[in-house]
Amino acid sequence: MEGNGNPTTKNAAQVPNATIQLLITLDRVTGAVSVQGPVQDLLLCYGLLEAAKDNCREFVRQQAANNRIVPAANIPNLRM
């Protein structure tokens, strides 16, 4: 929203620093986790984490779909 209460009409290309990054790092040796980004904005961080979880789930779902085994009898041109 703009200061006058009207919704903004700017797109991301018109807004400086429109990209927000939340970087989570895990040290496999010590197990230490560090977070860099807008950690003071808790709601934004939770939203970014949910979006990342959705992306990971979709990636895994696509990988499973690509690796699915289809019996030859179910493929029309390969009926035995």
N, C-alpha and C. Protein backbone atom coordinates (compact mmCIF):
# COMPACT_ATOMS: atom_id res chain seq x y z
N MET A 1 0.84 -1.17 0.00
CA MET A 1 0.00 0.00 0.00
C MET A 1 0.88 1.24 0.00
N GLU A 2 0.41 2.23 -0.69
CA GLU A 2 1.09 3.51 -0.68
C GLU A 2 0.72 4.25 0.60
N GLY A 3 1.40 5.33 0.89
CA GLY A 3 1.13 6.09 2.09
C GLY A 3 -0.29 6.63 2.16
N ASN A 4 -0.94 6.79 0.99
CA ASN A 4 -2.29 7.32 0.98
C ASN A 4 -3.35 6.23 1.10
N GLY A 5 -2.93 4.98 1.30
CA GLY A 5 -3.88 3.89 1.47
C GLY A 5 -4.25 3.17 0.19
N ASN A 6 -3.79 3.70 -0.95
CA ASN A 6 -4.06 3.05 -2.23
C ASN A 6 -3.07 1.93 -2.47
N PRO A 7 -3.51 0.84 -3.11
CA PRO A 7 -2.57 -0.25 -3.40
C PRO A 7 -1.51 0.21 -4.40
N THR A 8 -0.31 -0.29 -4.24
CA THR A 8 0.76 0.08 -5.17
C THR A 8 0.56 -0.67 -6.47
N THR A 9 1.00 -0.05 -7.55
CA THR A 9 0.87 -0.69 -8.86
C THR A 9 2.23 -1.01 -9.44
N LYS A 10 3.28 -0.87 -8.66
CA LYS A 10 4.64 -1.16 -9.13
C LYS A 10 4.85 -2.67 -9.20
N ASN A 11 5.57 -3.10 -10.23
CA ASN A 11 5.96 -4.51 -10.28
C ASN A 11 7.36 -4.65 -9.70
N ALA A 12 7.82 -5.87 -9.58
CA ALA A 12 9.11 -6.12 -8.92
C ALA A 12 10.26 -5.41 -9.61
N ALA A 13 10.19 -5.24 -10.94
CA ALA A 13 11.27 -4.59 -11.66
C ALA A 13 11.38 -3.11 -11.30
N GLN A 14 10.31 -2.52 -10.81
CA GLN A 14 10.31 -1.10 -10.47
C GLN A 14 10.68 -0.84 -9.02
N VAL A 15 10.83 -1.88 -8.24
CA VAL A 15 11.10 -1.73 -6.81
C VAL A 15 12.56 -2.08 -6.55
N PRO A 16 13.34 -1.14 -5.99
CA PRO A 16 14.72 -1.47 -5.68
C PRO A 16 14.78 -2.59 -4.63
N ASN A 17 15.73 -3.48 -4.78
CA ASN A 17 15.92 -4.60 -3.85
C ASN A 17 14.65 -5.45 -3.74
N ALA A 18 14.01 -5.72 -4.87
CA ALA A 18 12.76 -6.48 -4.87
C ALA A 18 13.00 -7.96 -4.58
N THR A 19 14.22 -8.42 -4.70
CA THR A 19 14.53 -9.82 -4.43
C THR A 19 14.97 -9.97 -2.98
N ILE A 20 14.36 -10.92 -2.29
CA ILE A 20 14.70 -11.18 -0.89
C ILE A 20 15.27 -12.59 -0.81
N GLN A 21 16.35 -12.74 -0.10
CA GLN A 21 17.01 -14.03 0.01
C GLN A 21 17.10 -14.43 1.48
N LEU A 22 16.74 -15.68 1.75
CA LEU A 22 16.90 -16.26 3.07
C LEU A 22 17.84 -17.45 2.89
N LEU A 23 19.03 -17.36 3.45
CA LEU A 23 20.05 -18.38 3.26
C LEU A 23 20.21 -19.17 4.55
N ILE A 24 20.00 -20.48 4.47
CA ILE A 24 20.15 -21.36 5.62
C ILE A 24 21.33 -22.28 5.34
N THR A 25 22.28 -22.29 6.24
CA THR A 25 23.50 -23.07 6.05
C THR A 25 23.65 -24.08 7.18
N LEU A 26 23.96 -25.32 6.82
CA LEU A 26 24.20 -26.38 7.80
C LEU A 26 25.63 -26.85 7.68
N ASP A 27 26.34 -26.87 8.79
CA ASP A 27 27.69 -27.43 8.83
C ASP A 27 27.52 -28.92 9.14
N ARG A 28 27.83 -29.76 8.18
CA ARG A 28 27.61 -31.21 8.34
C ARG A 28 28.49 -31.82 9.43
N VAL A 29 29.60 -31.20 9.71
CA VAL A 29 30.50 -31.74 10.73
C VAL A 29 30.01 -31.41 12.13
N THR A 30 29.70 -30.14 12.37
CA THR A 30 29.32 -29.72 13.72
C THR A 30 27.81 -29.72 13.95
N GLY A 31 27.04 -29.70 12.84
CA GLY A 31 25.59 -29.63 12.97
C GLY A 31 25.08 -28.22 13.20
N ALA A 32 25.98 -27.25 13.16
CA ALA A 32 25.59 -25.86 13.38
C ALA A 32 24.78 -25.34 12.19
N VAL A 33 23.74 -24.60 12.50
CA VAL A 33 22.89 -24.00 11.47
C VAL A 33 22.98 -22.48 11.62
N SER A 34 23.18 -21.81 10.47
CA SER A 34 23.17 -20.34 10.50
C SER A 34 22.14 -19.86 9.48
N VAL A 35 21.59 -18.69 9.76
CA VAL A 35 20.57 -18.09 8.89
C VAL A 35 20.97 -16.67 8.58
N GLN A 36 20.92 -16.31 7.30
CA GLN A 36 21.18 -14.95 6.87
C GLN A 36 19.99 -14.46 6.08
N GLY A 37 19.59 -13.27 6.31
CA GLY A 37 18.45 -12.70 5.60
C GLY A 37 17.65 -11.80 6.52
N PRO A 38 16.41 -11.54 6.15
CA PRO A 38 15.58 -10.63 6.94
C PRO A 38 14.98 -11.31 8.17
N VAL A 39 15.85 -11.81 9.05
CA VAL A 39 15.38 -12.59 10.20
C VAL A 39 14.53 -11.80 11.17
N GLN A 40 14.60 -10.47 11.11
CA GLN A 40 13.77 -9.65 11.99
C GLN A 40 12.30 -9.67 11.55
N ASP A 41 12.04 -10.07 10.29
CA ASP A 41 10.66 -10.13 9.77
C ASP A 41 10.19 -11.58 9.84
N LEU A 42 9.70 -11.97 11.00
CA LEU A 42 9.34 -13.36 11.26
C LEU A 42 8.30 -13.90 10.29
N LEU A 43 7.27 -13.12 10.01
CA LEU A 43 6.22 -13.56 9.10
C LEU A 43 6.77 -13.81 7.70
N LEU A 44 7.63 -12.93 7.22
CA LEU A 44 8.25 -13.11 5.90
C LEU A 44 9.11 -14.37 5.89
N CYS A 45 9.90 -14.59 6.93
CA CYS A 45 10.75 -15.78 7.00
C CYS A 45 9.91 -17.06 6.99
N TYR A 46 8.82 -17.09 7.76
CA TYR A 46 7.95 -18.26 7.75
C TYR A 46 7.35 -18.48 6.37
N GLY A 47 6.96 -17.40 5.70
CA GLY A 47 6.41 -17.52 4.35
C GLY A 47 7.43 -18.06 3.37
N LEU A 48 8.67 -17.58 3.46
CA LEU A 48 9.74 -18.08 2.58
C LEU A 48 10.02 -19.55 2.85
N LEU A 49 10.01 -19.95 4.12
CA LEU A 49 10.23 -21.36 4.46
C LEU A 49 9.11 -22.24 3.89
N GLU A 50 7.88 -21.79 3.98
CA GLU A 50 6.75 -22.56 3.42
C GLU A 50 6.88 -22.67 1.91
N ALA A 51 7.26 -21.59 1.26
CA ALA A 51 7.45 -21.63 -0.20
C ALA A 51 8.57 -22.59 -0.57
N ALA A 52 9.64 -22.59 0.21
CA ALA A 52 10.75 -23.52 -0.06
C ALA A 52 10.31 -24.96 0.14
N LYS A 53 9.53 -25.21 1.19
CA LYS A 53 9.02 -26.58 1.42
C LYS A 53 8.16 -27.03 0.24
N ASP A 54 7.29 -26.13 -0.25
CA ASP A 54 6.45 -26.47 -1.40
C ASP A 54 7.29 -26.78 -2.62
N ASN A 55 8.35 -25.99 -2.85
CA ASN A 55 9.23 -26.24 -3.99
C ASN A 55 9.93 -27.59 -3.86
N CYS A 56 10.38 -27.92 -2.67
CA CYS A 56 11.05 -29.22 -2.45
C CYS A 56 10.07 -30.37 -2.68
N ARG A 57 8.86 -30.24 -2.16
CA ARG A 57 7.86 -31.30 -2.36
C ARG A 57 7.56 -31.49 -3.84
N GLU A 58 7.42 -30.39 -4.58
CA GLU A 58 7.14 -30.48 -6.01
C GLU A 58 8.30 -31.12 -6.76
N PHE A 59 9.52 -30.78 -6.38
CA PHE A 59 10.69 -31.38 -7.01
C PHE A 59 10.70 -32.89 -6.80
N VAL A 60 10.46 -33.32 -5.57
CA VAL A 60 10.44 -34.75 -5.25
C VAL A 60 9.30 -35.45 -5.99
N ARG A 61 8.13 -34.79 -6.05
CA ARG A 61 6.99 -35.37 -6.77
C ARG A 61 7.32 -35.55 -8.25
N GLN A 62 7.96 -34.55 -8.84
CA GLN A 62 8.33 -34.64 -10.25
C GLN A 62 9.36 -35.74 -10.48
N GLN A 63 10.31 -35.85 -9.56
CA GLN A 63 11.32 -36.91 -9.69
C GLN A 63 10.65 -38.28 -9.63
N ALA A 64 9.71 -38.45 -8.72
CA ALA A 64 9.00 -39.72 -8.60
C ALA A 64 8.18 -39.99 -9.86
N ALA A 65 7.55 -38.97 -10.41
CA ALA A 65 6.75 -39.15 -11.63
C ALA A 65 7.64 -39.53 -12.81
N ASN A 66 8.84 -38.95 -12.88
CA ASN A 66 9.76 -39.26 -13.98
C ASN A 66 10.34 -40.66 -13.86
N ASN A 67 10.40 -41.20 -12.66
CA ASN A 67 10.99 -42.51 -12.44
C ASN A 67 9.96 -43.62 -12.33
N ARG A 68 8.72 -43.29 -12.60
CA ARG A 68 7.64 -44.26 -12.47
C ARG A 68 7.82 -45.38 -13.51
N ILE A 69 7.60 -46.60 -13.10
CA ILE A 69 7.67 -47.75 -14.00
C ILE A 69 6.29 -48.02 -14.55
N VAL A 70 6.20 -48.08 -15.88
CA VAL A 70 4.92 -48.35 -16.53
C VAL A 70 5.01 -49.73 -17.17
N PRO A 71 4.14 -50.66 -16.77
CA PRO A 71 4.17 -51.99 -17.38
C PRO A 71 3.96 -51.90 -18.89
N ALA A 72 4.69 -52.71 -19.65
CA ALA A 72 4.61 -52.68 -21.11
C ALA A 72 3.19 -52.94 -21.59
N ALA A 73 2.43 -53.74 -20.86
CA ALA A 73 1.05 -54.06 -21.26
C ALA A 73 0.16 -52.81 -21.23
N ASN A 74 0.56 -51.79 -20.48
CA ASN A 74 -0.22 -50.56 -20.38
C ASN A 74 0.14 -49.53 -21.44
N ILE A 75 1.15 -49.81 -22.24
CA ILE A 75 1.55 -48.88 -23.31
C ILE A 75 0.92 -49.40 -24.60
N PRO A 76 0.06 -48.61 -25.25
CA PRO A 76 -0.73 -49.09 -26.39
C PRO A 76 0.08 -49.77 -27.50
N ASN A 77 1.21 -49.25 -27.89
CA ASN A 77 1.95 -49.83 -29.01
C ASN A 77 2.84 -51.01 -28.61
N LEU A 78 2.89 -51.35 -27.35
CA LEU A 78 3.77 -52.42 -26.90
C LEU A 78 3.01 -53.60 -26.31
N ARG A 79 1.74 -53.72 -26.62
CA ARG A 79 0.97 -54.84 -26.04
C ARG A 79 1.58 -56.15 -26.47
N MET A 80 1.71 -57.03 -25.51
CA MET A 80 2.33 -58.34 -25.78
C MET A 80 1.27 -59.40 -25.92
